[in-house]
Amino acid sequence: MITAIGPFDSPDLTPSDFCLWGWKKSEAYSRKMDTPDELLARNLDVASCIREHEDQLRRTTRDLRTRVEKCVGVSGGICEHLL
């Protein structure tokens, strides 16, 4: 049996990948589709819009860097209060 691997199953993905995956999924399923062809067409439409959301993805990357810097600053300790 072959199963689909989601982003949380892959050790190679970064938090910005999770952001992109979540955004793409929410956009793709924002309306009801009745056939696999409709789902494929919707996914292709959403993928073609990624460049329009480039700024949002860049902000996510910057936010991640800030979080990592804060975590390093407290030697891996609790840093949520610093964010």
PDB file of N, CA and C in Angstrom:
ATOM      1  N   MET A   1       0.846  -1.178   0.000  1.00  0.00           N
ATOM      2  CA  MET A   1       0.000   0.000   0.000  1.00  0.00           C
ATOM      3  C   MET A   1       0.895   1.246   0.000  1.00  0.00           C
ATOM      4  N   ILE A   2       0.603   2.193  -0.855  1.00  0.00           N
ATOM      5  CA  ILE A   2       1.333   3.450  -0.921  1.00  0.00           C
ATOM      6  C   ILE A   2       0.492   4.523  -0.244  1.00  0.00           C
ATOM      7  N   THR A   3       1.104   5.273   0.638  1.00  0.00           N
ATOM      8  CA  THR A   3       0.379   6.345   1.316  1.00  0.00           C
ATOM      9  C   THR A   3       1.036   7.670   0.990  1.00  0.00           C
ATOM     10  N   ALA A   4       0.262   8.702   1.017  1.00  0.00           N
ATOM     11  CA  ALA A   4       0.795  10.042   0.769  1.00  0.00           C
ATOM     12  C   ALA A   4       1.537  10.519   2.016  1.00  0.00           C
ATOM     13  N   ILE A   5       2.614  11.211   1.780  1.00  0.00           N
ATOM     14  CA  ILE A   5       3.379  11.768   2.896  1.00  0.00           C
ATOM     15  C   ILE A   5       3.042  13.244   3.004  1.00  0.00           C
ATOM     16  N   GLY A   6       2.597  13.640   4.158  1.00  0.00           N
ATOM     17  CA  GLY A   6       2.303  15.047   4.411  1.00  0.00           C
ATOM     18  C   GLY A   6       3.545  15.762   4.902  1.00  0.00           C
ATOM     19  N   PRO A   7       3.479  17.059   5.073  1.00  0.00           N
ATOM     20  CA  PRO A   7       4.658  17.818   5.459  1.00  0.00           C
ATOM     21  C   PRO A   7       5.198  17.431   6.834  1.00  0.00           C
ATOM     22  N   PHE A   8       4.328  16.985   7.733  1.00  0.00           N
ATOM     23  CA  PHE A   8       4.786  16.663   9.074  1.00  0.00           C
ATOM     24  C   PHE A   8       5.498  15.314   9.128  1.00  0.00           C
ATOM     25  N   ASP A   9       5.405  14.545   8.035  1.00  0.00           N
ATOM     26  CA  ASP A   9       6.065  13.248   7.969  1.00  0.00           C
ATOM     27  C   ASP A   9       7.469  13.348   7.381  1.00  0.00           C
ATOM     28  N   SER A  10       7.834  14.485   6.860  1.00  0.00           N
ATOM     29  CA  SER A  10       9.117  14.637   6.188  1.00  0.00           C
ATOM     30  C   SER A  10      10.089  15.446   7.037  1.00  0.00           C
ATOM     31  N   PRO A  11      11.264  14.882   7.327  1.00  0.00           N
ATOM     32  CA  PRO A  11      12.245  15.625   8.119  1.00  0.00           C
ATOM     33  C   PRO A  11      12.960  16.710   7.315  1.00  0.00           C
ATOM     34  N   ASP A  12      12.749  16.753   6.009  1.00  0.00           N
ATOM     35  CA  ASP A  12      13.464  17.698   5.153  1.00  0.00           C
ATOM     36  C   ASP A  12      12.794  19.060   5.052  1.00  0.00           C
ATOM     37  N   LEU A  13      11.591  19.196   5.546  1.00  0.00           N
ATOM     38  CA  LEU A  13      10.853  20.431   5.354  1.00  0.00           C
ATOM     39  C   LEU A  13      11.097  21.426   6.478  1.00  0.00           C
ATOM     40  N   THR A  14      11.100  22.694   6.105  1.00  0.00           N
ATOM     41  CA  THR A  14      11.316  23.779   7.058  1.00  0.00           C
ATOM     42  C   THR A  14       9.973  24.384   7.452  1.00  0.00           C
ATOM     43  N   PRO A  15       9.939  25.205   8.500  1.00  0.00           N
ATOM     44  CA  PRO A  15       8.685  25.863   8.868  1.00  0.00           C
ATOM     45  C   PRO A  15       8.077  26.691   7.731  1.00  0.00           C
ATOM     46  N   SER A  16       8.923  27.276   6.872  1.00  0.00           N
ATOM     47  CA  SER A  16       8.339  28.016   5.748  1.00  0.00           C
ATOM     48  C   SER A  16       7.658  27.066   4.773  1.00  0.00           C
ATOM     49  N   ASP A  17       8.171  25.830   4.662  1.00  0.00           N
ATOM     50  CA  ASP A  17       7.486  24.827   3.845  1.00  0.00           C
ATOM     51  C   ASP A  17       6.121  24.507   4.436  1.00  0.00           C
ATOM     52  N   PHE A  18       6.056  24.399   5.781  1.00  0.00           N
ATOM     53  CA  PHE A  18       4.779  24.137   6.440  1.00  0.00           C
ATOM     54  C   PHE A  18       3.797  25.267   6.150  1.00  0.00           C
ATOM     55  N   CYS A  19       4.292  26.499   6.181  1.00  0.00           N
ATOM     56  CA  CYS A  19       3.446  27.662   5.901  1.00  0.00           C
ATOM     57  C   CYS A  19       2.891  27.571   4.488  1.00  0.00           C
ATOM     58  N   LEU A  20       3.760  27.281   3.544  1.00  0.00           N
ATOM     59  CA  LEU A  20       3.336  27.181   2.145  1.00  0.00           C
ATOM     60  C   LEU A  20       2.346  26.040   1.967  1.00  0.00           C
ATOM     61  N   TRP A  21       2.633  24.905   2.579  1.00  0.00           N
ATOM     62  CA  TRP A  21       1.744  23.741   2.485  1.00  0.00           C
ATOM     63  C   TRP A  21       0.357  24.081   3.041  1.00  0.00           C
ATOM     64  N   GLY A  22       0.324  24.699   4.211  1.00  0.00           N
ATOM     65  CA  GLY A  22      -0.957  25.048   4.826  1.00  0.00           C
ATOM     66  C   GLY A  22      -1.744  26.049   4.004  1.00  0.00           C
ATOM     67  N   TRP A  23      -1.040  27.056   3.486  1.00  0.00           N
ATOM     68  CA  TRP A  23      -1.714  28.064   2.668  1.00  0.00           C
ATOM     69  C   TRP A  23      -2.273  27.430   1.411  1.00  0.00           C
ATOM     70  N   LYS A  24      -1.449  26.619   0.741  1.00  0.00           N
ATOM     71  CA  LYS A  24      -1.882  25.988  -0.509  1.00  0.00           C
ATOM     72  C   LYS A  24      -3.093  25.079  -0.263  1.00  0.00           C
ATOM     73  N   LYS A  25      -3.047  24.321   0.823  1.00  0.00           N
ATOM     74  CA  LYS A  25      -4.156  23.420   1.133  1.00  0.00           C
ATOM     75  C   LYS A  25      -5.442  24.196   1.417  1.00  0.00           C
ATOM     76  N   SER A  26      -5.333  25.270   2.200  1.00  0.00           N
ATOM     77  CA  SER A  26      -6.540  26.037   2.515  1.00  0.00           C
ATOM     78  C   SER A  26      -7.116  26.698   1.268  1.00  0.00           C
ATOM     79  N   GLU A  27      -6.251  27.159   0.378  1.00  0.00           N
ATOM     80  CA  GLU A  27      -6.728  27.758  -0.873  1.00  0.00           C
ATOM     81  C   GLU A  27      -7.356  26.702  -1.782  1.00  0.00           C
ATOM     82  N   ALA A  28      -6.702  25.565  -1.899  1.00  0.00           N
ATOM     83  CA  ALA A  28      -7.195  24.516  -2.796  1.00  0.00           C
ATOM     84  C   ALA A  28      -8.561  24.004  -2.373  1.00  0.00           C
ATOM     85  N   TYR A  29      -8.773  23.896  -1.058  1.00  0.00           N
ATOM     86  CA  TYR A  29     -10.039  23.345  -0.565  1.00  0.00           C
ATOM     87  C   TYR A  29     -11.030  24.427  -0.143  1.00  0.00           C
ATOM     88  N   SER A  30     -10.824  25.648  -0.601  1.00  0.00           N
ATOM     89  CA  SER A  30     -11.728  26.734  -0.219  1.00  0.00           C
ATOM     90  C   SER A  30     -13.093  26.630  -0.899  1.00  0.00           C
ATOM     91  N   ARG A  31     -13.163  25.796  -1.906  1.00  0.00           N
ATOM     92  CA  ARG A  31     -14.465  25.554  -2.542  1.00  0.00           C
ATOM     93  C   ARG A  31     -14.604  24.076  -2.864  1.00  0.00           C
ATOM     94  N   LYS A  32     -15.833  23.619  -2.962  1.00  0.00           N
ATOM     95  CA  LYS A  32     -16.117  22.199  -3.176  1.00  0.00           C
ATOM     96  C   LYS A  32     -15.776  21.790  -4.600  1.00  0.00           C
ATOM     97  N   MET A  33     -15.148  20.627  -4.711  1.00  0.00           N
ATOM     98  CA  MET A  33     -14.837  20.053  -6.016  1.00  0.00           C
ATOM     99  C   MET A  33     -15.431  18.656  -6.062  1.00  0.00           C
ATOM    100  N   ASP A  34     -15.940  18.274  -7.225  1.00  0.00           N
ATOM    101  CA  ASP A  34     -16.632  16.996  -7.335  1.00  0.00           C
ATOM    102  C   ASP A  34     -15.828  15.904  -8.033  1.00  0.00           C
ATOM    103  N   THR A  35     -14.784  16.271  -8.763  1.00  0.00           N
ATOM    104  CA  THR A  35     -14.023  15.265  -9.505  1.00  0.00           C
ATOM    105  C   THR A  35     -12.528  15.451  -9.272  1.00  0.00           C
ATOM    106  N   PRO A  36     -11.770  14.395  -9.493  1.00  0.00           N
ATOM    107  CA  PRO A  36     -10.312  14.513  -9.385  1.00  0.00           C
ATOM    108  C   PRO A  36      -9.735  15.549 -10.365  1.00  0.00           C
ATOM    109  N   ASP A  37     -10.350  15.664 -11.536  1.00  0.00           N
ATOM    110  CA  ASP A  37      -9.881  16.661 -12.516  1.00  0.00           C
ATOM    111  C   ASP A  37     -10.072  18.082 -11.989  1.00  0.00           C
ATOM    112  N   GLU A  38     -11.192  18.328 -11.301  1.00  0.00           N
ATOM    113  CA  GLU A  38     -11.416  19.648 -10.700  1.00  0.00           C
ATOM    114  C   GLU A  38     -10.382  19.932  -9.616  1.00  0.00           C
ATOM    115  N   LEU A  39     -10.057  18.921  -8.819  1.00  0.00           N
ATOM    116  CA  LEU A  39      -9.053  19.081  -7.770  1.00  0.00           C
ATOM    117  C   LEU A  39      -7.686  19.377  -8.376  1.00  0.00           C
ATOM    118  N   LEU A  40      -7.320  18.670  -9.418  1.00  0.00           N
ATOM    119  CA  LEU A  40      -6.044  18.917 -10.081  1.00  0.00           C
ATOM    120  C   LEU A  40      -5.999  20.326 -10.650  1.00  0.00           C
ATOM    121  N   ALA A  41      -7.059  20.744 -11.326  1.00  0.00           N
ATOM    122  CA  ALA A  41      -7.102  22.091 -11.898  1.00  0.00           C
ATOM    123  C   ALA A  41      -7.002  23.154 -10.806  1.00  0.00           C
ATOM    124  N   ARG A  42      -7.689  22.930  -9.694  1.00  0.00           N
ATOM    125  CA  ARG A  42      -7.642  23.897  -8.580  1.00  0.00           C
ATOM    126  C   ARG A  42      -6.244  23.978  -7.983  1.00  0.00           C
ATOM    127  N   ASN A  43      -5.589  22.836  -7.809  1.00  0.00           N
ATOM    128  CA  ASN A  43      -4.228  22.828  -7.284  1.00  0.00           C
ATOM    129  C   ASN A  43      -3.263  23.545  -8.218  1.00  0.00           C
ATOM    130  N   LEU A  44      -3.423  23.360  -9.501  1.00  0.00           N
ATOM    131  CA  LEU A  44      -2.561  24.052 -10.463  1.00  0.00           C
ATOM    132  C   LEU A  44      -2.805  25.554 -10.424  1.00  0.00           C
ATOM    133  N   ASP A  45      -4.059  25.960 -10.278  1.00  0.00           N
ATOM    134  CA  ASP A  45      -4.383  27.389 -10.162  1.00  0.00           C
ATOM    135  C   ASP A  45      -3.739  27.996  -8.923  1.00  0.00           C
ATOM    136  N   VAL A  46      -3.849  27.293  -7.807  1.00  0.00           N
ATOM    137  CA  VAL A  46      -3.275  27.789  -6.549  1.00  0.00           C
ATOM    138  C   VAL A  46      -1.757  27.872  -6.662  1.00  0.00           C
ATOM    139  N   ALA A  47      -1.134  26.854  -7.236  1.00  0.00           N
ATOM    140  CA  ALA A  47       0.322  26.852  -7.388  1.00  0.00           C
ATOM    141  C   ALA A  47       0.790  28.021  -8.254  1.00  0.00           C
ATOM    142  N   SER A  48      -0.001  28.390  -9.246  1.00  0.00           N
ATOM    143  CA  SER A  48       0.392  29.501 -10.115  1.00  0.00           C
ATOM    144  C   SER A  48       0.292  30.856  -9.404  1.00  0.00           C
ATOM    145  N   CYS A  49      -0.394  30.903  -8.265  1.00  0.00           N
ATOM    146  CA  CYS A  49      -0.559  32.156  -7.512  1.00  0.00           C
ATOM    147  C   CYS A  49       0.499  32.354  -6.432  1.00  0.00           C
ATOM    148  N   ILE A  50       1.416  31.420  -6.281  1.00  0.00           N
ATOM    149  CA  ILE A  50       2.401  31.503  -5.200  1.00  0.00           C
ATOM    150  C   ILE A  50       3.197  32.796  -5.274  1.00  0.00           C
ATOM    151  N   ARG A  51       3.603  33.213  -6.460  1.00  0.00           N
ATOM    152  CA  ARG A  51       4.391  34.442  -6.596  1.00  0.00           C
ATOM    153  C   ARG A  51       3.639  35.664  -6.075  1.00  0.00           C
ATOM    154  N   GLU A  52       2.321  35.647  -6.176  1.00  0.00           N
ATOM    155  CA  GLU A  52       1.523  36.769  -5.676  1.00  0.00           C
ATOM    156  C   GLU A  52       1.616  36.878  -4.153  1.00  0.00           C
ATOM    157  N   HIS A  53       1.982  35.797  -3.484  1.00  0.00           N
ATOM    158  CA  HIS A  53       2.065  35.766  -2.024  1.00  0.00           C
ATOM    159  C   HIS A  53       3.509  35.683  -1.538  1.00  0.00           C
ATOM    160  N   GLU A  54       4.435  36.075  -2.391  1.00  0.00           N
ATOM    161  CA  GLU A  54       5.854  35.988  -2.075  1.00  0.00           C
ATOM    162  C   GLU A  54       6.220  36.792  -0.826  1.00  0.00           C
ATOM    163  N   ASP A  55       5.641  37.972  -0.661  1.00  0.00           N
ATOM    164  CA  ASP A  55       5.942  38.798   0.511  1.00  0.00           C
ATOM    165  C   ASP A  55       5.547  38.099   1.810  1.00  0.00           C
ATOM    166  N   GLN A  56       4.392  37.471   1.809  1.00  0.00           N
ATOM    167  CA  GLN A  56       3.935  36.750   3.003  1.00  0.00           C
ATOM    168  C   GLN A  56       4.908  35.618   3.341  1.00  0.00           C
ATOM    169  N   LEU A  57       5.382  34.904   2.348  1.00  0.00           N
ATOM    170  CA  LEU A  57       6.314  33.812   2.584  1.00  0.00           C
ATOM    171  C   LEU A  57       7.658  34.335   3.085  1.00  0.00           C
ATOM    172  N   ARG A  58       8.096  35.482   2.586  1.00  0.00           N
ATOM    173  CA  ARG A  58       9.344  36.086   3.067  1.00  0.00           C
ATOM    174  C   ARG A  58       9.206  36.499   4.544  1.00  0.00           C
ATOM    175  N   ARG A  59       8.048  37.045   4.912  1.00  0.00           N
ATOM    176  CA  ARG A  59       7.823  37.415   6.316  1.00  0.00           C
ATOM    177  C   ARG A  59       7.896  36.193   7.218  1.00  0.00           C
ATOM    178  N   THR A  60       7.350  35.088   6.753  1.00  0.00           N
ATOM    179  CA  THR A  60       7.395  33.856   7.522  1.00  0.00           C
ATOM    180  C   THR A  60       8.836  33.427   7.754  1.00  0.00           C
ATOM    181  N   THR A  61       9.661  33.531   6.731  1.00  0.00           N
ATOM    182  CA  THR A  61      11.077  33.170   6.854  1.00  0.00           C
ATOM    183  C   THR A  61      11.777  34.090   7.843  1.00  0.00           C
ATOM    184  N   ARG A  62      11.497  35.388   7.778  1.00  0.00           N
ATOM    185  CA  ARG A  62      12.099  36.336   8.720  1.00  0.00           C
ATOM    186  C   ARG A  62      11.650  36.039  10.147  1.00  0.00           C
ATOM    187  N   ASP A  63      10.377  35.735  10.319  1.00  0.00           N
ATOM    188  CA  ASP A  63       9.858  35.409  11.648  1.00  0.00           C
ATOM    189  C   ASP A  63      10.555  34.180  12.216  1.00  0.00           C
ATOM    190  N   LEU A  64      10.800  33.196  11.375  1.00  0.00           N
ATOM    191  CA  LEU A  64      11.495  31.997  11.822  1.00  0.00           C
ATOM    192  C   LEU A  64      12.909  32.348  12.283  1.00  0.00           C
ATOM    193  N   ARG A  65      13.591  33.184  11.530  1.00  0.00           N
ATOM    194  CA  ARG A  65      14.954  33.572  11.903  1.00  0.00           C
ATOM    195  C   ARG A  65      14.959  34.269  13.276  1.00  0.00           C
ATOM    196  N   THR A  66      14.001  35.158  13.487  1.00  0.00           N
ATOM    197  CA  THR A  66      13.899  35.850  14.766  1.00  0.00           C
ATOM    198  C   THR A  66      13.708  34.846  15.903  1.00  0.00           C
ATOM    199  N   ARG A  67      12.842  33.862  15.701  1.00  0.00           N
ATOM    200  CA  ARG A  67      12.588  32.853  16.727  1.00  0.00           C
ATOM    201  C   ARG A  67      13.856  32.051  17.034  1.00  0.00           C
ATOM    202  N   VAL A  68      14.578  31.671  15.982  1.00  0.00           N
ATOM    203  CA  VAL A  68      15.802  30.896  16.174  1.00  0.00           C
ATOM    204  C   VAL A  68      16.837  31.723  16.933  1.00  0.00           C
ATOM    205  N   GLU A  69      16.999  32.992  16.574  1.00  0.00           N
ATOM    206  CA  GLU A  69      17.961  33.860  17.258  1.00  0.00           C
ATOM    207  C   GLU A  69      17.619  33.998  18.741  1.00  0.00           C
ATOM    208  N   LYS A  70      16.336  34.144  19.060  1.00  0.00           N
ATOM    209  CA  LYS A  70      15.915  34.258  20.459  1.00  0.00           C
ATOM    210  C   LYS A  70      16.202  32.956  21.216  1.00  0.00           C
ATOM    211  N   CYS A  71      15.945  31.830  20.572  1.00  0.00           N
ATOM    212  CA  CYS A  71      16.188  30.534  21.194  1.00  0.00           C
ATOM    213  C   CYS A  71      17.687  30.342  21.458  1.00  0.00           C
ATOM    214  N   VAL A  72      18.522  30.709  20.498  1.00  0.00           N
ATOM    215  CA  VAL A  72      19.967  30.611  20.675  1.00  0.00           C
ATOM    216  C   VAL A  72      20.416  31.543  21.799  1.00  0.00           C
ATOM    217  N   GLY A  73      19.807  32.715  21.890  1.00  0.00           N
ATOM    218  CA  GLY A  73      20.165  33.693  22.905  1.00  0.00           C
ATOM    219  C   GLY A  73      19.939  33.211  24.329  1.00  0.00           C
ATOM    220  N   VAL A  74      19.024  32.273  24.502  1.00  0.00           N
ATOM    221  CA  VAL A  74      18.766  31.723  25.839  1.00  0.00           C
ATOM    222  C   VAL A  74      19.261  30.283  25.931  1.00  0.00           C
ATOM    223  N   SER A  75      20.226  29.954  25.075  1.00  0.00           N
ATOM    224  CA  SER A  75      20.862  28.617  25.059  1.00  0.00           C
ATOM    225  C   SER A  75      19.844  27.484  24.943  1.00  0.00           C
ATOM    226  N   GLY A  76      18.844  27.698  24.108  1.00  0.00           N
ATOM    227  CA  GLY A  76      17.848  26.657  23.877  1.00  0.00           C
ATOM    228  C   GLY A  76      16.759  26.582  24.928  1.00  0.00           C
ATOM    229  N   GLY A  77      16.770  27.511  25.866  1.00  0.00           N
ATOM    230  CA  GLY A  77      15.750  27.518  26.921  1.00  0.00           C
ATOM    231  C   GLY A  77      14.442  28.114  26.431  1.00  0.00           C
ATOM    232  N   ILE A  78      13.565  28.397  27.351  1.00  0.00           N
ATOM    233  CA  ILE A  78      12.259  28.971  27.018  1.00  0.00           C
ATOM    234  C   ILE A  78      12.432  30.407  26.541  1.00  0.00           C
ATOM    235  N   CYS A  79      11.880  30.682  25.372  1.00  0.00           N
ATOM    236  CA  CYS A  79      12.048  32.023  24.800  1.00  0.00           C
ATOM    237  C   CYS A  79      10.741  32.643  24.324  1.00  0.00           C
ATOM    238  N   GLU A  80       9.626  31.978  24.563  1.00  0.00           N
ATOM    239  CA  GLU A  80       8.337  32.497  24.096  1.00  0.00           C
ATOM    240  C   GLU A  80       8.073  33.905  24.638  1.00  0.00           C
ATOM    241  N   HIS A  81       8.495  34.193  25.842  1.00  0.00           N
ATOM    242  CA  HIS A  81       8.247  35.517  26.436  1.00  0.00           C
ATOM    243  C   HIS A  81       9.074  36.606  25.768  1.00  0.00           C
ATOM    244  N   LEU A  82      10.058  36.227  24.951  1.00  0.00           N
ATOM    245  CA  LEU A  82      10.907  37.200  24.262  1.00  0.00           C
ATOM    246  C   LEU A  82      10.381  37.563  22.882  1.00  0.00           C
ATOM    247  N   LEU A  83       9.403  36.837  22.414  1.00  0.00           N
ATOM    248  CA  LEU A  83       8.916  37.048  21.037  1.00  0.00           C
ATOM    249  C   LEU A  83       7.874  38.127  20.953  1.00  0.00           C
TER     250      LEU A  83
END
